[in-house]
Amino acid sequence: MNGGTALRTVHVLAALAVGGLLAIPAGWLLAILALLPFFLGLFFSLVVGLLLGAVVYRLARPAAPLGSWVAVVLGGVVFLAAWTTGLACEYFNTRGYDLPWYSAGSWRWVPVDGDATRVVRGHLRHRSLTVAERELLRTRTRQAFARQLAVRYPPGGFVGFLRWSAARQGALEVPRVFGAAPVLLDPKQRGASWLIRLVLSLILLGFAVLSQVLCLARERPPSGDDPPPRPEPGHPSTHSAEDFSERDA
């Protein structure tokens, strides 16, 4: 591998790495915006895809022209990473998750409530909870949500969440913790509407990213070795010395 090929490989790998890293916050943002009513979140799939594609294009442009399959793989990995991250974030936004946070000179895990905890807490809005009670509420609702997914939509977890969202009906029972009757939990989008949004978001995100990255397969950046542009007919530089001498005579 010569120096030029190695440098081109570095540019492609850098574009892949940066695009993959940016796909994580992009997917988290799409998971939140996807729940806008009337499929308005699909617009942001297009916008976020264009931004990701622009970053990948800019970083990989010095390596152009790329092979068609290299450009497809480069763009495909980035937009699929963002799309899959968005689905995973939807799952964690429902179940709840712990976020690493740095404070007081050390790292610690800060719990973030999901839809399961917020639904139960909404039924207890007139009751003030202590720190220990909030932790108990959070722990029991997460465990109950995970257990319900595993039983009714095996194997549970992320795959179970996808099956639950795709189902037309089937609310999960989450314990009220400080009350007798359970609370019913439904996904914010489910059934046909969720599947339609899922497919359209994949198409729009993939189109937005690939529409820019595929340009790398046919673009050649300017370099010092390129021949100078040919002058247009009629330009003074196209006339020879004999033309000028005949005109002067």
C-alpha atoms as a PDB file:
ATOM      1  CA  MET A   1       0.000   0.000   0.000  1.00  0.00           C
ATOM      2  CA  ASN A   2       1.578   3.298  -1.098  1.00  0.00           C
ATOM      3  CA  GLY A   3       1.362   6.575   0.776  1.00  0.00           C
ATOM      4  CA  GLY A   4      -1.530   7.950  -1.295  1.00  0.00           C
ATOM      5  CA  THR A   5      -3.674   4.869  -0.785  1.00  0.00           C
ATOM      6  CA  ALA A   6      -2.904   4.827   2.942  1.00  0.00           C
ATOM      7  CA  LEU A   7      -3.896   8.498   3.262  1.00  0.00           C
ATOM      8  CA  ARG A   8      -7.168   7.866   1.436  1.00  0.00           C
ATOM      9  CA  THR A   9      -7.901   4.959   3.760  1.00  0.00           C
ATOM     10  CA  VAL A  10      -7.278   7.194   6.772  1.00  0.00           C
ATOM     11  CA  HIS A  11      -9.774   9.762   5.470  1.00  0.00           C
ATOM     12  CA  VAL A  12     -12.430   7.100   4.876  1.00  0.00           C
ATOM     13  CA  LEU A  13     -11.924   5.544   8.316  1.00  0.00           C
ATOM     14  CA  ALA A  14     -12.011   8.986   9.956  1.00  0.00           C
ATOM     15  CA  ALA A  15     -15.298   9.757   8.192  1.00  0.00           C
ATOM     16  CA  LEU A  16     -16.701   6.403   9.313  1.00  0.00           C
ATOM     17  CA  ALA A  17     -15.591   6.891  12.932  1.00  0.00           C
ATOM     18  CA  VAL A  18     -16.853  10.462  13.264  1.00  0.00           C
ATOM     19  CA  GLY A  19     -20.096   9.665  11.469  1.00  0.00           C
ATOM     20  CA  GLY A  20     -20.660   6.652  13.727  1.00  0.00           C
ATOM     21  CA  LEU A  21     -20.024   8.705  16.862  1.00  0.00           C
ATOM     22  CA  LEU A  22     -22.357  11.487  15.729  1.00  0.00           C
ATOM     23  CA  ALA A  23     -25.020   8.864  14.961  1.00  0.00           C
ATOM     24  CA  ILE A  24     -25.460   8.244  18.704  1.00  0.00           C
ATOM     25  CA  PRO A  25     -26.695  11.744  19.718  1.00  0.00           C
ATOM     26  CA  ALA A  26     -28.497  11.979  16.368  1.00  0.00           C
ATOM     27  CA  GLY A  27     -30.417   8.790  17.126  1.00  0.00           C
ATOM     28  CA  TRP A  28     -31.267   9.990  20.622  1.00  0.00           C
ATOM     29  CA  LEU A  29     -32.623  13.234  19.161  1.00  0.00           C
ATOM     30  CA  LEU A  30     -34.661  11.352  16.557  1.00  0.00           C
ATOM     31  CA  ALA A  31     -36.139   9.116  19.277  1.00  0.00           C
ATOM     32  CA  ILE A  32     -37.586  12.203  20.947  1.00  0.00           C
ATOM     33  CA  LEU A  33     -38.716  14.000  17.798  1.00  0.00           C
ATOM     34  CA  ALA A  34     -40.217  10.843  16.268  1.00  0.00           C
ATOM     35  CA  LEU A  35     -43.142  11.060  18.682  1.00  0.00           C
ATOM     36  CA  LEU A  36     -44.371  14.399  17.336  1.00  0.00           C
ATOM     37  CA  PRO A  37     -48.006  14.127  16.173  1.00  0.00           C
ATOM     38  CA  PHE A  38     -49.057  13.644  12.543  1.00  0.00           C
ATOM     39  CA  PHE A  39     -45.651  12.140  11.631  1.00  0.00           C
ATOM     40  CA  LEU A  40     -44.003  15.568  11.899  1.00  0.00           C
ATOM     41  CA  GLY A  41     -40.933  13.848  13.335  1.00  0.00           C
ATOM     42  CA  LEU A  42     -40.217  12.384   9.892  1.00  0.00           C
ATOM     43  CA  PHE A  43     -39.106  15.825   8.747  1.00  0.00           C
ATOM     44  CA  PHE A  44     -36.256  15.690  11.251  1.00  0.00           C
ATOM     45  CA  SER A  45     -35.154  12.312   9.901  1.00  0.00           C
ATOM     46  CA  LEU A  46     -34.432  14.135   6.666  1.00  0.00           C
ATOM     47  CA  VAL A  47     -32.726  17.095   8.352  1.00  0.00           C
ATOM     48  CA  VAL A  48     -30.551  14.987  10.657  1.00  0.00           C
ATOM     49  CA  GLY A  49     -29.644  12.711   7.748  1.00  0.00           C
ATOM     50  CA  LEU A  50     -28.496  15.676   5.676  1.00  0.00           C
ATOM     51  CA  LEU A  51     -26.307  16.894   8.532  1.00  0.00           C
ATOM     52  CA  LEU A  52     -24.744  13.460   9.031  1.00  0.00           C
ATOM     53  CA  GLY A  53     -24.188  13.061   5.305  1.00  0.00           C
ATOM     54  CA  ALA A  54     -22.533  16.483   5.099  1.00  0.00           C
ATOM     55  CA  VAL A  55     -20.053  15.600   7.845  1.00  0.00           C
ATOM     56  CA  VAL A  56     -19.163  12.246   6.269  1.00  0.00           C
ATOM     57  CA  TYR A  57     -18.845  13.831   2.828  1.00  0.00           C
ATOM     58  CA  ARG A  58     -16.548  16.592   4.066  1.00  0.00           C
ATOM     59  CA  LEU A  59     -14.241  14.205   5.919  1.00  0.00           C
ATOM     60  CA  ALA A  60     -14.028  11.630   3.114  1.00  0.00           C
ATOM     61  CA  ARG A  61     -13.815  14.081   0.207  1.00  0.00           C
ATOM     62  CA  PRO A  62      -9.976  14.090   0.077  1.00  0.00           C
ATOM     63  CA  ALA A  63     -10.182  10.337  -0.647  1.00  0.00           C
ATOM     64  CA  ALA A  64     -12.513  10.766  -3.645  1.00  0.00           C
ATOM     65  CA  PRO A  65     -13.233   9.133  -5.974  1.00  0.00           C
ATOM     66  CA  LEU A  66     -14.360   6.145  -3.912  1.00  0.00           C
ATOM     67  CA  GLY A  67     -15.623   2.875  -5.256  1.00  0.00           C
ATOM     68  CA  SER A  68     -19.413   2.718  -5.401  1.00  0.00           C
ATOM     69  CA  TRP A  69     -19.582  -0.105  -2.861  1.00  0.00           C
ATOM     70  CA  VAL A  70     -17.263   1.781  -0.492  1.00  0.00           C
ATOM     71  CA  ALA A  71     -19.518   4.844  -0.612  1.00  0.00           C
ATOM     72  CA  VAL A  72     -22.630   2.712  -0.069  1.00  0.00           C
ATOM     73  CA  VAL A  73     -21.072   0.904   2.914  1.00  0.00           C
ATOM     74  CA  LEU A  74     -19.791   4.181   4.383  1.00  0.00           C
ATOM     75  CA  GLY A  75     -23.164   5.913   4.175  1.00  0.00           C
ATOM     76  CA  GLY A  76     -25.115   2.779   5.072  1.00  0.00           C
ATOM     77  CA  VAL A  77     -23.207   2.155   8.293  1.00  0.00           C
ATOM     78  CA  VAL A  78     -23.723   5.761   9.429  1.00  0.00           C
ATOM     79  CA  PHE A  79     -27.453   6.044   8.756  1.00  0.00           C
ATOM     80  CA  LEU A  80     -28.211   2.541  10.066  1.00  0.00           C
ATOM     81  CA  ALA A  81     -26.288   3.367  13.252  1.00  0.00           C
ATOM     82  CA  ALA A  82     -28.397   6.507  13.758  1.00  0.00           C
ATOM     83  CA  TRP A  83     -31.651   4.695  12.945  1.00  0.00           C
ATOM     84  CA  THR A  84     -30.914   1.751  15.259  1.00  0.00           C
ATOM     85  CA  THR A  85     -29.786   4.078  18.040  1.00  0.00           C
ATOM     86  CA  GLY A  86     -33.084   5.923  17.713  1.00  0.00           C
ATOM     87  CA  LEU A  87     -35.022   2.685  18.215  1.00  0.00           C
ATOM     88  CA  ALA A  88     -32.880   1.728  21.214  1.00  0.00           C
ATOM     89  CA  CYS A  89     -33.434   5.169  22.751  1.00  0.00           C
ATOM     90  CA  GLU A  90     -37.200   4.747  22.338  1.00  0.00           C
ATOM     91  CA  TYR A  91     -36.913   1.562  24.383  1.00  0.00           C
ATOM     92  CA  PHE A  92     -34.841   3.183  27.128  1.00  0.00           C
ATOM     93  CA  ASN A  93     -37.111   6.246  27.207  1.00  0.00           C
ATOM     94  CA  THR A  94     -39.960   3.866  28.014  1.00  0.00           C
ATOM     95  CA  ARG A  95     -38.139   1.619  30.496  1.00  0.00           C
ATOM     96  CA  GLY A  96     -35.873   4.237  32.054  1.00  0.00           C
ATOM     97  CA  TYR A  97     -32.080   4.335  32.182  1.00  0.00           C
ATOM     98  CA  ASP A  98     -29.081   5.554  34.193  1.00  0.00           C
ATOM     99  CA  LEU A  99     -26.926   8.370  32.855  1.00  0.00           C
ATOM    100  CA  PRO A 100     -23.268   8.817  33.876  1.00  0.00           C
ATOM    101  CA  TRP A 101     -22.748  12.251  35.391  1.00  0.00           C
ATOM    102  CA  TYR A 102     -19.636  13.967  36.759  1.00  0.00           C
ATOM    103  CA  SER A 103     -20.114  16.046  39.890  1.00  0.00           C
ATOM    104  CA  ALA A 104     -18.288  16.739  43.155  1.00  0.00           C
ATOM    105  CA  GLY A 105     -15.060  15.423  41.666  1.00  0.00           C
ATOM    106  CA  SER A 106     -16.339  11.969  40.752  1.00  0.00           C
ATOM    107  CA  TRP A 107     -18.551  10.099  38.308  1.00  0.00           C
ATOM    108  CA  ARG A 108     -21.884   8.716  39.418  1.00  0.00           C
ATOM    109  CA  TRP A 109     -24.973   7.205  37.819  1.00  0.00           C
ATOM    110  CA  VAL A 110     -28.007   9.471  37.696  1.00  0.00           C
ATOM    111  CA  PRO A 111     -31.341   7.680  37.150  1.00  0.00           C
ATOM    112  CA  VAL A 112     -33.635   8.995  34.430  1.00  0.00           C
ATOM    113  CA  ASP A 113     -37.293   8.025  34.659  1.00  0.00           C
ATOM    114  CA  GLY A 114     -38.940   6.379  31.664  1.00  0.00           C
ATOM    115  CA  ASP A 115     -42.579   6.381  30.596  1.00  0.00           C
ATOM    116  CA  ALA A 116     -43.330   3.437  32.917  1.00  0.00           C
ATOM    117  CA  THR A 117     -42.228   5.370  36.002  1.00  0.00           C
ATOM    118  CA  ARG A 118     -43.822   8.635  34.856  1.00  0.00           C
ATOM    119  CA  VAL A 119     -47.195   6.961  34.262  1.00  0.00           C
ATOM    120  CA  VAL A 120     -47.223   5.483  37.763  1.00  0.00           C
ATOM    121  CA  ARG A 121     -45.977   8.734  39.288  1.00  0.00           C
ATOM    122  CA  GLY A 122     -48.788  10.589  37.522  1.00  0.00           C
ATOM    123  CA  HIS A 123     -51.340   8.549  39.467  1.00  0.00           C
ATOM    124  CA  LEU A 124     -49.584   9.598  42.685  1.00  0.00           C
ATOM    125  CA  ARG A 125     -49.245  13.275  41.845  1.00  0.00           C
ATOM    126  CA  HIS A 126     -51.070  14.309  45.023  1.00  0.00           C
ATOM    127  CA  ARG A 127     -48.628  12.362  47.188  1.00  0.00           C
ATOM    128  CA  SER A 128     -45.190  13.587  48.163  1.00  0.00           C
ATOM    129  CA  LEU A 129     -42.531  10.863  47.955  1.00  0.00           C
ATOM    130  CA  THR A 130     -39.303  10.612  49.884  1.00  0.00           C
ATOM    131  CA  VAL A 131     -35.998   9.818  48.211  1.00  0.00           C
ATOM    132  CA  ALA A 132     -36.280   6.165  49.253  1.00  0.00           C
ATOM    133  CA  GLU A 133     -39.866   5.946  47.955  1.00  0.00           C
ATOM    134  CA  ARG A 134     -38.889   7.448  44.604  1.00  0.00           C
ATOM    135  CA  GLU A 135     -36.087   4.907  44.286  1.00  0.00           C
ATOM    136  CA  LEU A 136     -38.484   2.081  45.162  1.00  0.00           C
ATOM    137  CA  LEU A 137     -41.008   3.351  42.620  1.00  0.00           C
ATOM    138  CA  ARG A 138     -38.357   3.560  39.922  1.00  0.00           C
ATOM    139  CA  THR A 139     -36.918   0.113  40.653  1.00  0.00           C
ATOM    140  CA  ARG A 140     -40.233  -1.722  40.811  1.00  0.00           C
ATOM    141  CA  THR A 141     -41.671  -0.144  37.660  1.00  0.00           C
ATOM    142  CA  ARG A 142     -38.538  -0.969  35.663  1.00  0.00           C
ATOM    143  CA  GLN A 143     -38.553  -4.546  36.901  1.00  0.00           C
ATOM    144  CA  ALA A 144     -42.279  -4.972  36.217  1.00  0.00           C
ATOM    145  CA  PHE A 145     -41.954  -3.518  32.708  1.00  0.00           C
ATOM    146  CA  ALA A 146     -39.043  -5.836  31.881  1.00  0.00           C
ATOM    147  CA  ARG A 147     -40.882  -8.847  33.318  1.00  0.00           C
ATOM    148  CA  GLN A 148     -44.083  -8.095  31.367  1.00  0.00           C
ATOM    149  CA  LEU A 149     -42.136  -7.758  28.102  1.00  0.00           C
ATOM    150  CA  ALA A 150     -40.339 -11.068  28.705  1.00  0.00           C
ATOM    151  CA  VAL A 151     -43.595 -12.916  29.455  1.00  0.00           C
ATOM    152  CA  ARG A 152     -45.914 -11.447  26.827  1.00  0.00           C
ATOM    153  CA  TYR A 153     -43.416 -10.564  24.082  1.00  0.00           C
ATOM    154  CA  PRO A 154     -40.473 -12.959  24.418  1.00  0.00           C
ATOM    155  CA  PRO A 155     -37.549 -12.744  24.558  1.00  0.00           C
ATOM    156  CA  GLY A 156     -38.274  -9.382  26.162  1.00  0.00           C
ATOM    157  CA  GLY A 157     -35.824  -6.520  26.349  1.00  0.00           C
ATOM    158  CA  PHE A 158     -35.249  -4.493  23.208  1.00  0.00           C
ATOM    159  CA  VAL A 159     -36.682  -7.180  20.903  1.00  0.00           C
ATOM    160  CA  GLY A 160     -39.735  -7.514  23.113  1.00  0.00           C
ATOM    161  CA  PHE A 161     -40.223  -3.757  23.001  1.00  0.00           C
ATOM    162  CA  LEU A 162     -40.226  -3.845  19.194  1.00  0.00           C
ATOM    163  CA  ARG A 163     -42.830  -6.637  19.201  1.00  0.00           C
ATOM    164  CA  TRP A 164     -44.942  -4.748  21.741  1.00  0.00           C
ATOM    165  CA  SER A 165     -44.841  -1.539  19.685  1.00  0.00           C
ATOM    166  CA  ALA A 166     -45.768  -3.391  16.497  1.00  0.00           C
ATOM    167  CA  ALA A 167     -48.771  -5.087  18.140  1.00  0.00           C
ATOM    168  CA  ARG A 168     -52.182  -3.521  17.552  1.00  0.00           C
ATOM    169  CA  GLN A 169     -53.190  -3.804  21.203  1.00  0.00           C
ATOM    170  CA  GLY A 170     -51.911  -5.177  24.472  1.00  0.00           C
ATOM    171  CA  ALA A 171     -51.314  -2.740  27.341  1.00  0.00           C
ATOM    172  CA  LEU A 172     -48.801  -3.845  29.969  1.00  0.00           C
ATOM    173  CA  GLU A 173     -49.662  -3.815  33.658  1.00  0.00           C
ATOM    174  CA  VAL A 174     -47.263  -1.874  35.859  1.00  0.00           C
ATOM    175  CA  PRO A 175     -47.730  -1.941  39.659  1.00  0.00           C
ATOM    176  CA  ARG A 176     -48.877   1.248  41.314  1.00  0.00           C
ATOM    177  CA  VAL A 177     -46.300   0.395  44.037  1.00  0.00           C
ATOM    178  CA  PHE A 178     -48.099   2.449  46.707  1.00  0.00           C
ATOM    179  CA  GLY A 179     -51.569   1.308  45.699  1.00  0.00           C
ATOM    180  CA  ALA A 180     -53.453  -1.909  45.022  1.00  0.00           C
ATOM    181  CA  ALA A 181     -54.608  -1.570  41.415  1.00  0.00           C
ATOM    182  CA  PRO A 182     -51.987  -1.737  38.621  1.00  0.00           C
ATOM    183  CA  VAL A 183     -51.499   0.961  36.002  1.00  0.00           C
ATOM    184  CA  LEU A 184     -51.897   0.181  32.295  1.00  0.00           C
ATOM    185  CA  LEU A 185     -49.019   1.235  30.061  1.00  0.00           C
ATOM    186  CA  ASP A 186     -49.310   1.651  26.286  1.00  0.00           C
ATOM    187  CA  PRO A 187     -46.560   2.745  23.877  1.00  0.00           C
ATOM    188  CA  LYS A 188     -46.910   6.293  22.599  1.00  0.00           C
ATOM    189  CA  GLN A 189     -47.014   4.930  19.048  1.00  0.00           C
ATOM    190  CA  ARG A 190     -48.078   1.417  18.199  1.00  0.00           C
ATOM    191  CA  GLY A 191     -49.337  -0.897  15.511  1.00  0.00           C
ATOM    192  CA  ALA A 192     -49.621   0.246  11.900  1.00  0.00           C
ATOM    193  CA  SER A 193     -48.763   3.885  12.651  1.00  0.00           C
ATOM    194  CA  TRP A 194     -45.541   2.842  14.387  1.00  0.00           C
ATOM    195  CA  LEU A 195     -44.554   0.506  11.525  1.00  0.00           C
ATOM    196  CA  ILE A 196     -45.299   3.169   8.894  1.00  0.00           C
ATOM    197  CA  ARG A 197     -43.248   5.739  10.766  1.00  0.00           C
ATOM    198  CA  LEU A 198     -40.455   3.181  11.190  1.00  0.00           C
ATOM    199  CA  VAL A 199     -40.217   2.421   7.458  1.00  0.00           C
ATOM    200  CA  LEU A 200     -40.521   6.054   6.364  1.00  0.00           C
ATOM    201  CA  SER A 201     -37.867   7.191   8.826  1.00  0.00           C
ATOM    202  CA  LEU A 202     -35.498   4.533   7.479  1.00  0.00           C
ATOM    203  CA  ILE A 203     -36.123   5.616   3.887  1.00  0.00           C
ATOM    204  CA  LEU A 204     -35.770   9.350   4.571  1.00  0.00           C
ATOM    205  CA  LEU A 205     -32.704   8.996   6.763  1.00  0.00           C
ATOM    206  CA  GLY A 206     -31.003   6.669   4.287  1.00  0.00           C
ATOM    207  CA  PHE A 207     -31.848   8.913   1.332  1.00  0.00           C
ATOM    208  CA  ALA A 208     -30.544  12.024   3.090  1.00  0.00           C
ATOM    209  CA  VAL A 209     -27.207  10.435   4.026  1.00  0.00           C
ATOM    210  CA  LEU A 210     -26.591   8.509   0.796  1.00  0.00           C
ATOM    211  CA  SER A 211     -27.573  11.433  -1.445  1.00  0.00           C
ATOM    212  CA  GLN A 212     -24.386  13.147  -0.316  1.00  0.00           C
ATOM    213  CA  VAL A 213     -22.040  10.250   0.407  1.00  0.00           C
ATOM    214  CA  LEU A 214     -22.629   8.648  -3.007  1.00  0.00           C
ATOM    215  CA  CYS A 215     -21.276  11.815  -4.620  1.00  0.00           C
ATOM    216  CA  LEU A 216     -17.871  10.671  -3.410  1.00  0.00           C
ATOM    217  CA  ALA A 217     -18.003   7.809  -5.912  1.00  0.00           C
ATOM    218  CA  ARG A 218     -17.937  10.162  -8.902  1.00  0.00           C
ATOM    219  CA  GLU A 219     -16.198  13.278  -7.611  1.00  0.00           C
ATOM    220  CA  ARG A 220     -12.509  14.008  -8.022  1.00  0.00           C
ATOM    221  CA  PRO A 221     -11.178  16.812  -5.840  1.00  0.00           C
ATOM    222  CA  PRO A 222      -8.947  19.404  -7.556  1.00  0.00           C
ATOM    223  CA  SER A 223      -5.210  18.881  -7.279  1.00  0.00           C
ATOM    224  CA  GLY A 224      -2.054  20.520  -8.528  1.00  0.00           C
ATOM    225  CA  ASP A 225      -1.583  17.799 -11.156  1.00  0.00           C
ATOM    226  CA  ASP A 226      -4.811  18.568 -12.986  1.00  0.00           C
ATOM    227  CA  PRO A 227      -4.343  20.156 -16.422  1.00  0.00           C
ATOM    228  CA  PRO A 228      -5.359  23.815 -16.733  1.00  0.00           C
ATOM    229  CA  PRO A 229      -8.869  24.389 -18.034  1.00  0.00           C
ATOM    230  CA  ARG A 230      -9.208  24.766 -21.785  1.00  0.00           C
ATOM    231  CA  PRO A 231     -10.108  28.338 -22.834  1.00  0.00           C
ATOM    232  CA  GLU A 232     -13.440  28.896 -24.473  1.00  0.00           C
ATOM    233  CA  PRO A 233     -13.565  29.539 -28.240  1.00  0.00           C
ATOM    234  CA  GLY A 234     -13.149  33.223 -28.994  1.00  0.00           C
ATOM    235  CA  HIS A 235     -11.007  33.828 -25.935  1.00  0.00           C
ATOM    236  CA  PRO A 236      -7.853  35.880 -26.768  1.00  0.00           C
ATOM    237  CA  SER A 237      -5.626  33.052 -25.609  1.00  0.00           C
ATOM    238  CA  THR A 238      -6.954  30.791 -28.395  1.00  0.00           C
ATOM    239  CA  HIS A 239      -5.478  32.990 -31.147  1.00  0.00           C
ATOM    240  CA  SER A 240      -2.014  32.225 -32.404  1.00  0.00           C
ATOM    241  CA  ALA A 241       0.760  34.715 -33.163  1.00  0.00           C
ATOM    242  CA  GLU A 242       0.089  34.325 -36.907  1.00  0.00           C
ATOM    243  CA  ASP A 243      -3.504  35.448 -36.365  1.00  0.00           C
ATOM    244  CA  PHE A 244      -2.363  38.662 -34.763  1.00  0.00           C
ATOM    245  CA  SER A 245       0.271  39.359 -37.422  1.00  0.00           C
ATOM    246  CA  GLU A 246      -2.262  38.874 -40.231  1.00  0.00           C
ATOM    247  CA  ARG A 247      -4.717  41.149 -38.475  1.00  0.00           C
ATOM    248  CA  ASP A 248      -2.065  43.883 -37.993  1.00  0.00           C
ATOM    249  CA  ALA A 249      -1.052  43.667 -41.677  1.00  0.00           C
END
